[in-house]
C-alpha atoms as a PDB file:
ATOM      1  CA  MET A   1     247.315  82.381  85.681  1.00  0.00           C
ATOM      2  CA  LEU A   2     247.761  80.378  88.853  1.00  0.00           C
ATOM      3  CA  VAL A   3     251.069  78.601  89.271  1.00  0.00           C
ATOM      4  CA  HIS A   4     251.157  75.281  91.075  1.00  0.00           C
ATOM      5  CA  GLU A   5     253.931  72.895  91.920  1.00  0.00           C
ATOM      6  CA  PHE A   6     254.634  69.972  89.624  1.00  0.00           C
ATOM      7  CA  ARG A   7     253.513  66.626  91.020  1.00  0.00           C
ATOM      8  CA  PRO A   8     255.158  63.841  89.007  1.00  0.00           C
ATOM      9  CA  GLY A   9     253.582  61.045  91.037  1.00  0.00           C
ATOM     10  CA  ARG A  10     250.093  62.147  90.116  1.00  0.00           C
ATOM     11  CA  LEU A  11     251.134  62.428  86.480  1.00  0.00           C
ATOM     12  CA  ILE A  12     252.479  58.866  86.407  1.00  0.00           C
ATOM     13  CA  LEU A  13     249.427  57.431  88.132  1.00  0.00           C
ATOM     14  CA  GLY A  14     247.065  59.368  85.882  1.00  0.00           C
ATOM     15  CA  LEU A  15     248.832  58.199  82.733  1.00  0.00           C
ATOM     16  CA  ALA A  16     248.694  54.594  83.935  1.00  0.00           C
ATOM     17  CA  ALA A  17     244.970  54.895  84.668  1.00  0.00           C
ATOM     18  CA  LEU A  18     244.372  56.410  81.225  1.00  0.00           C
ATOM     19  CA  ALA A  19     246.373  53.608  79.597  1.00  0.00           C
ATOM     20  CA  LEU A  20     244.309  50.985  81.419  1.00  0.00           C
ATOM     21  CA  ALA A  21     241.095  52.729  80.444  1.00  0.00           C
ATOM     22  CA  GLY A  22     242.243  52.802  76.825  1.00  0.00           C
ATOM     23  CA  LEU A  23     243.143  49.119  76.910  1.00  0.00           C
ATOM     24  CA  PHE A  24     239.788  48.118  78.327  1.00  0.00           C
ATOM     25  CA  ALA A  25     237.975  50.397  75.864  1.00  0.00           C
ATOM     26  CA  ALA A  26     239.824  48.630  73.042  1.00  0.00           C
ATOM     27  CA  ASP A  27     238.870  45.306  74.636  1.00  0.00           C
ATOM     28  CA  ALA A  28     235.222  46.355  74.748  1.00  0.00           C
ATOM     29  CA  ALA A  29     235.381  47.392  71.096  1.00  0.00           C
ATOM     30  CA  GLY A  30     236.830  44.005  70.168  1.00  0.00           C
ATOM     31  CA  ALA A  31     240.209  45.283  68.961  1.00  0.00           C
ATOM     32  CA  LEU A  32     242.209  43.650  71.773  1.00  0.00           C
ATOM     33  CA  SER A  33     241.833  40.880  74.281  1.00  0.00           C
ATOM     34  CA  VAL A  34     242.877  42.089  77.739  1.00  0.00           C
ATOM     35  CA  ALA A  35     242.540  39.957  80.868  1.00  0.00           C
ATOM     36  CA  TRP A  36     240.781  41.654  83.759  1.00  0.00           C
ATOM     37  CA  TYR A  37     243.526  40.704  86.224  1.00  0.00           C
ATOM     38  CA  MET A  38     246.094  42.833  84.351  1.00  0.00           C
ATOM     39  CA  VAL A  39     244.789  45.818  86.316  1.00  0.00           C
ATOM     40  CA  ILE A  40     246.434  44.673  89.545  1.00  0.00           C
ATOM     41  CA  PRO A  41     250.105  44.468  88.428  1.00  0.00           C
ATOM     42  CA  VAL A  42     249.854  47.573  86.249  1.00  0.00           C
ATOM     43  CA  LEU A  43     248.323  49.681  89.021  1.00  0.00           C
ATOM     44  CA  CYS A  44     250.726  48.317  91.638  1.00  0.00           C
ATOM     45  CA  GLY A  45     253.673  49.109  89.379  1.00  0.00           C
ATOM     46  CA  ALA A  46     252.286  52.582  88.693  1.00  0.00           C
ATOM     47  CA  LEU A  47     251.785  53.198  92.411  1.00  0.00           C
ATOM     48  CA  GLY A  48     255.379  52.167  93.087  1.00  0.00           C
ATOM     49  CA  LEU A  49     256.717  54.443  90.332  1.00  0.00           C
ATOM     50  CA  ALA A  50     254.493  57.279  91.531  1.00  0.00           C
ATOM     51  CA  ALA A  51     255.782  56.876  95.080  1.00  0.00           C
ATOM     52  CA  LEU A  52     259.372  56.894  93.868  1.00  0.00           C
ATOM     53  CA  ALA A  53     258.805  59.962  91.690  1.00  0.00           C
ATOM     54  CA  THR A  54     257.075  61.790  94.561  1.00  0.00           C
ATOM     55  CA  TRP A  55     259.936  60.967  96.930  1.00  0.00           C
ATOM     56  CA  VAL A  56     262.548  62.207  94.444  1.00  0.00           C
ATOM     57  CA  ALA A  57     260.555  65.403  93.817  1.00  0.00           C
ATOM     58  CA  TYR A  58     260.320  65.957  97.584  1.00  0.00           C
ATOM     59  CA  LEU A  59     264.085  65.582  97.962  1.00  0.00           C
ATOM     60  CA  VAL A  60     264.698  68.030  95.116  1.00  0.00           C
ATOM     61  CA  ARG A  61     262.282  70.591  96.602  1.00  0.00           C
ATOM     62  CA  ARG A  62     263.856  70.203 100.045  1.00  0.00           C
ATOM     63  CA  ARG A  63     267.371  70.655  98.651  1.00  0.00           C
ATOM     64  CA  SER A  64     266.364  73.767  96.702  1.00  0.00           C
ATOM     65  CA  ALA A  65     264.642  75.204  99.783  1.00  0.00           C
ATOM     66  CA  ARG A  66     267.807  74.675 101.824  1.00  0.00           C
ATOM     67  CA  SER A  67     269.958  76.403  99.243  1.00  0.00           C
ATOM     68  CA  ARG A  68     267.532  79.327  99.069  1.00  0.00           C
ATOM     69  CA  SER A  69     267.486  79.712 102.856  1.00  0.00           C
ATOM     70  CA  SER A  70     271.285  79.624 103.140  1.00  0.00           C
ATOM     71  CA  GLU A  71     271.659  82.373 100.528  1.00  0.00           C
ATOM     72  CA  SER A  72     269.887  84.962 102.688  1.00  0.00           C
ATOM     73  CA  THR A  73     272.302  85.528 105.548  1.00  0.00           C
ATOM     74  CA  GLY A  74     271.182  89.031 106.543  1.00  0.00           C
ATOM     75  CA  ALA A  75     269.065  89.486 109.651  1.00  0.00           C
ATOM     76  CA  PRO A  76     265.433  90.418 109.073  1.00  0.00           C
ATOM     77  CA  ALA A  77     264.384  93.967 109.913  1.00  0.00           C
ATOM     78  CA  SER A  78     262.187  92.847 112.815  1.00  0.00           C
ATOM     79  CA  SER A  79     265.139  91.386 114.749  1.00  0.00           C
ATOM     80  CA  SER A  80     267.337  94.475 114.543  1.00  0.00           C
ATOM     81  CA  GLY A  81     266.121  95.725 117.934  1.00  0.00           C
ATOM     82  CA  SER A  82     264.765  99.060 116.755  1.00  0.00           C
ATOM     83  CA  GLN A  83     261.112  97.991 117.118  1.00  0.00           C
ATOM     84  CA  ALA A  84     259.285  97.837 120.398  1.00  0.00           C
ATOM     85  CA  ILE A  85     258.224  94.363 121.473  1.00  0.00           C
ATOM     86  CA  ARG A  86     254.602  94.197 122.554  1.00  0.00           C
END
């Protein structure tokens, strides 16, 4: 199974789009009355939350990458000087 990194911004935006689609499907079925202009504030809010979540996830990934790189203090085998440089 392929492993991919978690992208919370895409999750938030996808859930907001699904919620809007559900609301407008309910409106089309006659169960609700939803104004068409509600799309703009909901999508803008979702885009803002997605941007914030993506930024936080980036900071967490960057911090974990720094801690992983500082743990390996030994020199790599290629820089030990025993190999010929071509």
